């Protein structure tokens, strides 16, 4: 297994001042209307599926540096680190999210790394200071993902209150407002139910440039509380995998809420998807079935119980994973539902459908990170760019007609007669 220790063999720079062989990626990503690509950082053990199938994915720092350097060279623009404070559901070991994000930024030159933060264990003053410094070190290449929390034992085992669902999201709302205020105001004042500040003068501020006054703020969830946070305070709304109707409903609802807040143009959308790209659709589906068939049953069921209990207090029972089946939960964020499983052509078509619905960033995960980041960059990403150049991904009606059936919610009446 690769060493977890940081060493000087990887090269890399801190301030993003060198291209470091990124000419290909720069050319691929020249179109400002492109959909952008991100990947989950495997900074926890066990890979990105709760399955006993062998995975050529390593959680060590050395492996993650290799993944990050490969990703930015083939055209990925973002990476998202995971936040865990304790073992659970197949993730027995975890590297802390902010520190590994900084390490990956040190060994890349253009990649934007999204560091996950968990209000409760994290205080916004500490987070704002740390992220602002990292942003300075890297010339504005760090973002944050605010996770409201779903793992009750993770809170109670370290002496943190486990709040009801709505209160967790209300705390996250205050947390985000505090980050933005600290980062943009000379002296920040705030009097909330969870956080208070009195003439707090953070210096240095994070990097500020047109269209990006502070590090971008991501936040996810499916509930009304999550959608309201997206509309009122977040820059990006992360969505789990879903049906076509589910994606359309979420995006429409968040946009309507954002419009009421005067933030319609400020809120963008990202979606999670697990990618299985193979030469034939049959081969890809067979691998999916093997992943699900070799699921760690005990771990998946425990994960399912935890996340569904975490969302049980939502007013309309629409929290994340509310409608997830056992086979969906094998991938943490319903990534199989995004249907990026098939040939490169099929996956590219489905990505362009997602773009036409309003998705700006596709967050990917893979079974074998050792080779599949490169594979995606070689086979799928250039194809998406080629089709974008031909005008694809703009007309939702056309894209739905072309490939939407694979996403449609299956009604019981549509089942074939037996």
Protein backbone atom coordinates (compact mmCIF):
# COMPACT_ATOMS: atom_id res chain seq x y z
CA UNK A 1 0.00 0.00 0.00
CA UNK A 2 1.24 3.50 -0.77
CA UNK A 3 2.56 5.58 2.08
CA UNK A 4 0.26 8.16 3.64
CA UNK A 5 3.22 10.46 4.27
CA UNK A 6 3.79 13.65 2.32
CA UNK A 7 7.04 13.60 0.36
CA UNK A 8 8.71 15.76 -2.19
CA UNK A 9 8.58 13.32 -5.08
CA UNK A 10 5.35 14.62 -6.60
CA UNK A 11 6.47 18.10 -7.62
CA UNK A 12 3.56 20.51 -7.69
CA UNK A 13 3.18 24.11 -6.63
CA UNK A 14 1.12 26.05 -4.15
CA UNK A 15 -0.03 29.14 -6.04
CA UNK A 16 -1.26 27.67 -9.31
CA UNK A 17 1.18 29.74 -11.32
CA UNK A 18 2.32 26.98 -13.69
CA UNK A 19 0.37 25.04 -16.29
CA UNK A 20 2.27 21.83 -15.43
CA UNK A 21 1.26 20.05 -18.65
CA UNK A 22 -2.34 21.26 -18.68
CA UNK A 23 -2.47 22.48 -22.29
CA UNK A 24 -4.87 19.65 -23.24
CA UNK A 25 -7.23 20.43 -20.35
CA UNK A 26 -7.11 24.16 -21.05
CA UNK A 27 -8.12 23.57 -24.66
CA UNK A 28 -10.90 21.13 -23.65
CA UNK A 29 -12.36 23.63 -21.19
CA UNK A 30 -12.17 26.78 -23.30
CA UNK A 31 -15.95 27.07 -23.80
CA UNK A 32 -17.37 29.15 -20.96
CA UNK A 33 -20.81 27.50 -21.40
CA UNK A 34 -19.43 24.00 -20.75
CA UNK A 35 -20.65 21.61 -18.10
CA UNK A 36 -17.85 21.15 -15.56
CA UNK A 37 -16.61 17.89 -14.10
CA UNK A 38 -15.73 17.02 -10.52
CA UNK A 39 -14.83 13.81 -8.73
CA UNK A 40 -15.24 12.50 -5.20
CA UNK A 41 -11.89 12.39 -3.39
CA UNK A 42 -11.53 8.90 -1.87
CA UNK A 43 -10.03 10.17 1.39
CA UNK A 44 -11.89 7.49 3.33
CA UNK A 45 -11.21 3.77 3.04
CA UNK A 46 -13.61 1.38 1.37
CA UNK A 47 -14.01 3.19 -1.94
CA UNK A 48 -17.20 4.82 -3.19
CA UNK A 49 -19.49 1.78 -2.99
CA UNK A 50 -20.50 -0.27 0.05
CA UNK A 51 -19.61 -3.54 -1.60
CA UNK A 52 -17.24 -6.44 -1.16
CA UNK A 53 -16.26 -6.31 -4.81
CA UNK A 54 -12.53 -5.58 -5.23
CA UNK A 55 -11.87 -1.88 -5.85
CA UNK A 56 -8.64 -0.47 -7.25
CA UNK A 57 -9.14 2.70 -5.24
CA UNK A 58 -6.81 3.75 -2.43
CA UNK A 59 -7.45 6.29 0.32
CA UNK A 60 -3.77 7.09 0.93
CA UNK A 61 -2.39 10.57 0.33
CA UNK A 62 0.05 9.39 -2.34
CA UNK A 63 -2.76 7.74 -4.29
CA UNK A 64 -4.97 10.80 -3.94
CA UNK A 65 -2.20 13.04 -5.23
CA UNK A 66 -1.94 10.80 -8.30
CA UNK A 67 -5.72 10.91 -8.82
CA UNK A 68 -5.79 14.70 -8.50
CA UNK A 69 -2.91 15.26 -10.90
CA UNK A 70 -4.45 12.86 -13.43
CA UNK A 71 -7.87 14.48 -13.06
CA UNK A 72 -6.75 18.02 -13.76
CA UNK A 73 -4.67 16.92 -16.76
CA UNK A 74 -7.65 15.22 -18.43
CA UNK A 75 -10.04 18.11 -17.80
CA UNK A 76 -11.64 17.75 -14.37
CA UNK A 77 -12.03 21.16 -12.71
CA UNK A 78 -13.20 20.25 -9.20
CA UNK A 79 -12.61 17.57 -6.57
CA UNK A 80 -14.75 17.08 -3.44
CA UNK A 81 -13.23 15.75 -0.23
CA UNK A 82 -15.36 13.79 2.23
CA UNK A 83 -15.95 14.64 5.89
CA UNK A 84 -15.96 11.85 8.45
CA UNK A 85 -15.07 12.02 12.13
CA UNK A 86 -15.41 8.31 12.81
CA UNK A 87 -15.59 4.92 11.13
CA UNK A 88 -18.84 3.59 9.77
CA UNK A 89 -20.45 1.62 6.95
CA UNK A 90 -17.27 0.33 5.37
CA UNK A 91 -15.23 3.53 5.85
CA UNK A 92 -12.95 2.35 8.64
CA UNK A 93 -10.26 5.02 8.08
CA UNK A 94 -10.63 8.68 7.17
CA UNK A 95 -8.25 11.52 6.32
CA UNK A 96 -9.59 14.87 7.53
CA UNK A 97 -11.21 16.85 4.72
CA UNK A 98 -9.60 20.30 4.97
CA UNK A 99 -6.06 19.07 5.49
CA UNK A 100 -6.19 16.58 2.61
CA UNK A 101 -7.78 19.27 0.42
CA UNK A 102 -4.84 21.57 1.15
CA UNK A 103 -2.40 18.75 0.39
CA UNK A 104 -4.04 18.07 -2.99
CA UNK A 105 -4.02 21.77 -3.80
CA UNK A 106 -0.29 21.86 -3.04
CA UNK A 107 0.39 19.15 -5.62
CA UNK A 108 -1.87 20.51 -8.38
CA UNK A 109 -1.87 23.79 -10.24
CA UNK A 110 -5.41 24.40 -11.49
CA UNK A 111 -7.81 21.97 -9.76
CA UNK A 112 -10.35 23.51 -7.38
CA UNK A 113 -10.75 21.32 -4.29
CA UNK A 114 -14.00 21.52 -2.33
CA UNK A 115 -13.38 20.90 1.38
CA UNK A 116 -16.32 19.46 3.30
CA UNK A 117 -17.22 21.17 6.59
CA UNK A 118 -19.64 19.91 9.24
CA UNK A 119 -21.32 22.60 11.41
CA UNK A 120 -21.33 21.50 15.02
CA UNK A 121 -17.83 20.05 15.15
CA UNK A 122 -16.73 23.02 13.01
CA UNK A 123 -17.01 26.63 14.17
CA UNK A 124 -17.41 29.23 11.39
CA UNK A 125 -14.63 31.43 12.81
CA UNK A 126 -12.08 28.62 12.58
CA UNK A 127 -13.37 27.49 9.19
CA UNK A 128 -13.38 31.01 7.74
CA UNK A 129 -9.82 31.67 8.90
CA UNK A 130 -8.45 28.34 7.70
CA UNK A 131 -10.16 28.42 4.30
CA UNK A 132 -9.19 32.07 3.72
CA UNK A 133 -5.55 31.22 4.32
CA UNK A 134 -5.66 28.19 2.02
CA UNK A 135 -7.36 30.34 -0.61
CA UNK A 136 -4.47 32.79 -0.39
CA UNK A 137 -1.88 30.00 -0.63
CA UNK A 138 -3.51 28.60 -3.79
CA UNK A 139 -4.59 31.75 -5.63
CA UNK A 140 -8.29 31.10 -5.10
CA UNK A 141 -8.59 27.34 -5.70
CA UNK A 142 -10.46 26.17 -2.60
CA UNK A 143 -14.23 25.91 -2.10
CA UNK A 144 -16.37 24.49 0.72
CA UNK A 145 -19.24 22.01 0.96
CA UNK A 146 -21.42 22.54 4.02
CA UNK A 147 -22.73 19.19 5.27
CA UNK A 148 -25.62 19.46 7.71
CA UNK A 149 -25.11 15.93 9.03
CA UNK A 150 -26.79 12.54 8.77
CA UNK A 151 -24.64 10.31 11.03
CA UNK A 152 -26.01 10.68 14.57
CA UNK A 153 -23.23 8.68 16.28
CA UNK A 154 -20.67 10.97 14.67
CA UNK A 155 -22.11 13.84 16.69
CA UNK A 156 -22.91 12.13 19.97
CA UNK A 157 -19.57 10.31 20.21
CA UNK A 158 -17.69 13.62 20.29
CA UNK A 159 -20.08 15.38 22.63
CA UNK A 160 -22.03 17.35 20.03
CA UNK A 161 -25.79 17.87 20.22
CA UNK A 162 -27.78 15.88 17.66
CA UNK A 163 -30.35 18.40 16.46
CA UNK A 164 -33.59 17.69 14.63
CA UNK A 165 -33.37 17.80 10.85
CA UNK A 166 -34.78 21.32 10.47
CA UNK A 167 -32.51 22.69 13.19
CA UNK A 168 -29.42 21.14 11.58
CA UNK A 169 -30.22 22.94 8.34
CA UNK A 170 -31.02 26.17 10.17
CA UNK A 171 -27.61 25.95 11.85
CA UNK A 172 -26.02 25.38 8.42
CA UNK A 173 -27.82 28.45 7.10
CA UNK A 174 -26.28 30.56 9.88
CA UNK A 175 -22.90 28.90 9.33
CA UNK A 176 -22.90 29.88 5.63
CA UNK A 177 -24.06 33.41 6.36
CA UNK A 178 -21.23 33.76 8.85
CA UNK A 179 -18.64 32.48 6.39
CA UNK A 180 -19.78 34.93 3.71
CA UNK A 181 -19.91 37.83 6.15
CA UNK A 182 -16.49 37.12 7.66
CA UNK A 183 -14.96 36.77 4.19
CA UNK A 184 -16.45 39.96 2.73
CA UNK A 185 -16.96 42.49 5.55
CA UNK A 186 -14.28 44.56 7.26
CA UNK A 187 -15.88 44.03 10.67
CA UNK A 188 -18.44 41.26 10.88
CA UNK A 189 -21.35 41.33 13.29
CA UNK A 190 -23.90 38.57 13.67
CA UNK A 191 -26.43 37.64 16.33
CA UNK A 192 -27.97 34.25 15.61
CA UNK A 193 -29.31 31.33 17.58
CA UNK A 194 -26.15 29.30 16.95
CA UNK A 195 -23.37 31.82 16.30
CA UNK A 196 -22.49 35.33 17.43
CA UNK A 197 -19.79 37.71 16.18
CA UNK A 198 -18.83 41.19 17.36
CA UNK A 199 -16.74 43.40 15.06
CA UNK A 200 -14.70 40.42 13.88
CA UNK A 201 -12.02 41.64 11.41
CA UNK A 202 -10.61 38.67 9.50
CA UNK A 203 -7.32 39.37 7.72
CA UNK A 204 -6.27 38.34 5.19
CA UNK A 205 -9.51 37.85 3.35
CA UNK A 206 -9.76 35.06 0.77
CA UNK A 207 -9.01 35.86 -2.86
CA UNK A 208 -11.75 37.96 -4.45
CA UNK A 209 -12.25 38.35 -8.18
CA UNK A 210 -15.19 39.29 -10.45
CA UNK A 211 -17.89 36.66 -10.21
CA UNK A 212 -16.14 35.03 -7.25
CA UNK A 213 -16.14 37.36 -4.20
CA UNK A 214 -15.21 34.49 -1.87
CA UNK A 215 -14.63 30.71 -2.02
CA UNK A 216 -17.62 29.03 -3.63
CA UNK A 217 -20.09 27.47 -1.21
CA UNK A 218 -21.70 24.13 -2.02
CA UNK A 219 -24.52 22.50 -0.06
CA UNK A 220 -26.80 19.56 -0.68
CA UNK A 221 -29.92 17.79 0.51
CA UNK A 222 -33.34 16.96 -0.84
CA UNK A 223 -35.66 18.33 1.85
CA UNK A 224 -37.48 21.65 1.85
CA UNK A 225 -34.93 22.88 4.41
CA UNK A 226 -32.05 22.02 2.08
CA UNK A 227 -33.72 23.65 -0.91
CA UNK A 228 -34.40 26.79 1.09
CA UNK A 229 -30.72 27.00 2.07
CA UNK A 230 -29.76 26.58 -1.58
CA UNK A 231 -32.08 29.40 -2.58
CA UNK A 232 -31.07 31.82 0.17
CA UNK A 233 -27.35 31.37 0.89
CA UNK A 234 -25.52 28.77 -1.24
CA UNK A 235 -23.69 29.13 -4.55
CA UNK A 236 -24.20 25.51 -5.66
CA UNK A 237 -26.92 23.01 -4.78
CA UNK A 238 -25.73 19.39 -4.80
CA UNK A 239 -28.33 16.82 -5.83
CA UNK A 240 -28.29 13.06 -5.34
CA UNK A 241 -29.12 10.80 -8.27
CA UNK A 242 -32.81 10.90 -9.19
CA UNK A 243 -35.44 10.26 -11.85
CA UNK A 244 -36.04 12.75 -14.65
CA UNK A 245 -39.13 14.00 -12.85
CA UNK A 246 -37.19 14.20 -9.60
CA UNK A 247 -34.44 16.35 -11.11
CA UNK A 248 -36.97 18.62 -12.81
CA UNK A 249 -38.95 19.08 -9.58
CA UNK A 250 -35.89 19.87 -7.49
CA UNK A 251 -34.42 22.35 -9.96
CA UNK A 252 -37.75 24.10 -10.54
CA UNK A 253 -38.43 24.37 -6.80
CA UNK A 254 -34.99 25.78 -5.94
CA UNK A 255 -35.15 28.25 -8.83
CA UNK A 256 -38.57 29.50 -7.72
CA UNK A 257 -37.34 29.94 -4.16
CA UNK A 258 -34.18 31.68 -5.37
CA UNK A 259 -36.18 34.03 -7.58
CA UNK A 260 -38.23 35.13 -4.58
CA UNK A 261 -34.94 35.96 -2.86
CA UNK A 262 -33.57 37.84 -5.87
CA UNK A 263 -30.84 35.17 -6.26
CA UNK A 264 -31.96 33.31 -9.38
CA UNK A 265 -28.73 33.92 -11.29
CA UNK A 266 -26.56 33.20 -8.25
CA UNK A 267 -27.70 29.63 -7.59
CA UNK A 268 -26.23 26.82 -9.70
CA UNK A 269 -26.75 23.06 -9.67
CA UNK A 270 -24.47 20.03 -9.34
CA UNK A 271 -25.40 16.35 -9.38
CA UNK A 272 -23.76 13.16 -8.14
CA UNK A 273 -23.26 10.24 -10.50
CA UNK A 274 -21.40 6.94 -10.34
CA UNK A 275 -19.73 6.17 -13.68
CA UNK A 276 -19.32 2.73 -15.21
CA UNK A 277 -18.00 3.21 -18.74
CA UNK A 278 -17.38 0.05 -20.74
CA UNK A 279 -17.20 -0.98 -24.41
CA UNK A 280 -20.78 -2.30 -24.34
CA UNK A 281 -23.84 -1.44 -22.27
CA UNK A 282 -24.20 -5.10 -21.36
CA UNK A 283 -20.71 -5.16 -19.85
CA UNK A 284 -21.41 -2.02 -17.82
CA UNK A 285 -24.75 -3.31 -16.51
CA UNK A 286 -23.19 -6.65 -15.62
CA UNK A 287 -20.58 -4.84 -13.52
CA UNK A 288 -23.30 -2.78 -11.81
CA UNK A 289 -25.15 -5.99 -10.96
CA UNK A 290 -21.95 -7.48 -9.56
CA UNK A 291 -21.33 -4.42 -7.38
CA UNK A 292 -24.88 -4.59 -6.02
CA UNK A 293 -24.85 -8.37 -5.75
CA UNK A 294 -21.70 -8.27 -3.63
CA UNK A 295 -23.00 -5.45 -1.44
CA UNK A 296 -21.94 -5.46 2.18
CA UNK A 297 -25.49 -6.20 3.35
CA UNK A 298 -24.97 -5.38 7.02
CA UNK A 299 -23.19 -2.10 6.25
CA UNK A 300 -25.72 -1.02 3.61
CA UNK A 301 -28.66 -1.71 5.91
CA UNK A 302 -27.01 0.14 8.80
CA UNK A 303 -26.28 3.09 6.49
CA UNK A 304 -29.87 3.05 5.26
CA UNK A 305 -31.23 3.07 8.80
CA UNK A 306 -28.95 5.96 9.77
CA UNK A 307 -29.78 8.21 6.85
CA UNK A 308 -33.51 7.52 6.93
CA UNK A 309 -33.67 8.19 10.67
CA UNK A 310 -31.73 11.40 10.11
CA UNK A 311 -34.37 12.59 7.65
CA UNK A 312 -37.39 11.26 9.51
CA UNK A 313 -38.16 14.64 11.08
CA UNK A 314 -38.51 16.46 7.75
CA UNK A 315 -41.94 18.01 7.40
CA UNK A 316 -42.77 16.22 4.14
CA UNK A 317 -40.49 13.16 4.45
CA UNK A 318 -38.42 14.23 1.44
CA UNK A 319 -34.98 14.15 3.02
CA UNK A 320 -32.02 12.65 1.21
CA UNK A 321 -32.39 8.91 0.58
CA UNK A 322 -36.13 9.07 1.47
CA UNK A 323 -37.00 6.99 -1.60
CA UNK A 324 -33.77 5.00 -1.91
CA UNK A 325 -33.91 1.22 -2.19
CA UNK A 326 -31.25 -1.18 -0.91
CA UNK A 327 -29.51 -1.36 -4.30
CA UNK A 328 -29.44 2.47 -4.51
CA UNK A 329 -27.79 2.79 -1.10
CA UNK A 330 -24.83 0.66 -2.17
CA UNK A 331 -23.54 3.95 -3.63
CA UNK A 332 -23.61 6.61 -0.92
CA UNK A 333 -25.39 9.40 -2.80
CA UNK A 334 -27.72 7.48 -5.10
CA UNK A 335 -25.09 7.65 -7.82
CA UNK A 336 -26.48 4.67 -9.73
CA UNK A 337 -29.74 6.56 -10.30
CA UNK A 338 -27.89 9.10 -12.45
CA UNK A 339 -27.58 6.34 -15.07
CA UNK A 340 -23.99 7.05 -16.16
CA UNK A 341 -23.64 3.34 -16.85
CA UNK A 342 -23.03 2.17 -20.40
CA UNK A 343 -20.84 3.10 -23.34
CA UNK A 344 -19.02 6.42 -23.69
CA UNK A 345 -21.64 7.55 -26.22
CA UNK A 346 -24.53 6.71 -23.91
CA UNK A 347 -22.91 8.41 -20.93
CA UNK A 348 -22.13 11.55 -22.96
CA UNK A 349 -25.75 11.77 -24.14
CA UNK A 350 -27.01 11.48 -20.56
CA UNK A 351 -24.56 14.12 -19.32
CA UNK A 352 -25.87 16.52 -21.96
CA UNK A 353 -29.43 15.79 -20.84
CA UNK A 354 -28.46 16.72 -17.29
CA UNK A 355 -26.82 19.89 -18.58
CA UNK A 356 -29.97 20.82 -20.50
CA UNK A 357 -31.99 20.50 -17.27
CA UNK A 358 -29.72 23.08 -15.62
CA UNK A 359 -26.84 21.07 -14.15
CA UNK A 360 -23.55 23.01 -14.15
CA UNK A 361 -21.26 20.47 -12.47
CA UNK A 362 -21.27 16.68 -12.66
CA UNK A 363 -19.74 15.07 -9.57
CA UNK A 364 -18.39 11.65 -10.53
CA UNK A 365 -17.23 8.54 -8.68
CA UNK A 366 -15.66 5.33 -9.95
CA UNK A 367 -15.04 1.75 -8.92
CA UNK A 368 -11.36 1.75 -9.93
CA UNK A 369 -9.84 5.20 -9.44
CA UNK A 370 -6.43 3.82 -10.38
CA UNK A 371 -7.44 3.81 -14.05
CA UNK A 372 -10.98 5.12 -14.45
CA UNK A 373 -10.30 8.84 -13.95
CA UNK A 374 -7.95 8.57 -16.92
CA UNK A 375 -10.48 6.45 -18.83
CA UNK A 376 -13.25 8.99 -18.31
CA UNK A 377 -10.90 11.78 -19.40
CA UNK A 378 -9.89 9.88 -22.53
CA UNK A 379 -13.27 8.54 -23.65
CA UNK A 380 -16.15 10.57 -22.20
CA UNK A 381 -15.04 14.12 -21.48
CA UNK A 382 -13.74 14.90 -25.01
CA UNK A 383 -16.93 13.45 -26.49
CA UNK A 384 -19.05 15.72 -24.31
CA UNK A 385 -17.00 18.70 -25.46
CA UNK A 386 -17.37 17.68 -29.12
CA UNK A 387 -21.14 17.42 -28.77
CA UNK A 388 -21.31 20.72 -26.89
CA UNK A 389 -19.46 22.35 -29.78
CA UNK A 390 -22.18 20.99 -32.07
CA UNK A 391 -24.85 22.71 -29.96
CA UNK A 392 -25.93 19.79 -27.77
CA UNK A 393 -26.95 20.20 -24.14
CA UNK A 394 -28.98 23.40 -24.58
CA UNK A 395 -32.41 22.15 -25.67
CA UNK A 396 -34.00 20.18 -22.83
CA UNK A 397 -36.94 19.06 -24.97
CA UNK A 398 -34.59 17.57 -27.57
CA UNK A 399 -32.33 15.89 -25.00
CA UNK A 400 -35.29 14.40 -23.14
CA UNK A 401 -36.71 13.05 -26.39
CA UNK A 402 -33.32 11.55 -27.25
CA UNK A 403 -32.41 9.87 -23.97
CA UNK A 404 -34.88 10.87 -21.27
CA UNK A 405 -36.68 7.53 -21.07
CA UNK A 406 -33.78 5.99 -19.15
CA UNK A 407 -34.48 8.49 -16.32
CA UNK A 408 -38.24 8.44 -16.26
CA UNK A 409 -39.97 7.26 -13.12
CA UNK A 410 -41.43 3.84 -13.79
CA UNK A 411 -45.13 3.66 -12.87
CA UNK A 412 -46.65 0.36 -11.78
CA UNK A 413 -49.05 0.54 -14.71
CA UNK A 414 -46.06 0.50 -17.05
CA UNK A 415 -44.86 -2.88 -15.83
CA UNK A 416 -45.21 -5.59 -18.46
CA UNK A 417 -48.06 -8.04 -18.01
CA UNK A 418 -47.09 -11.41 -16.59
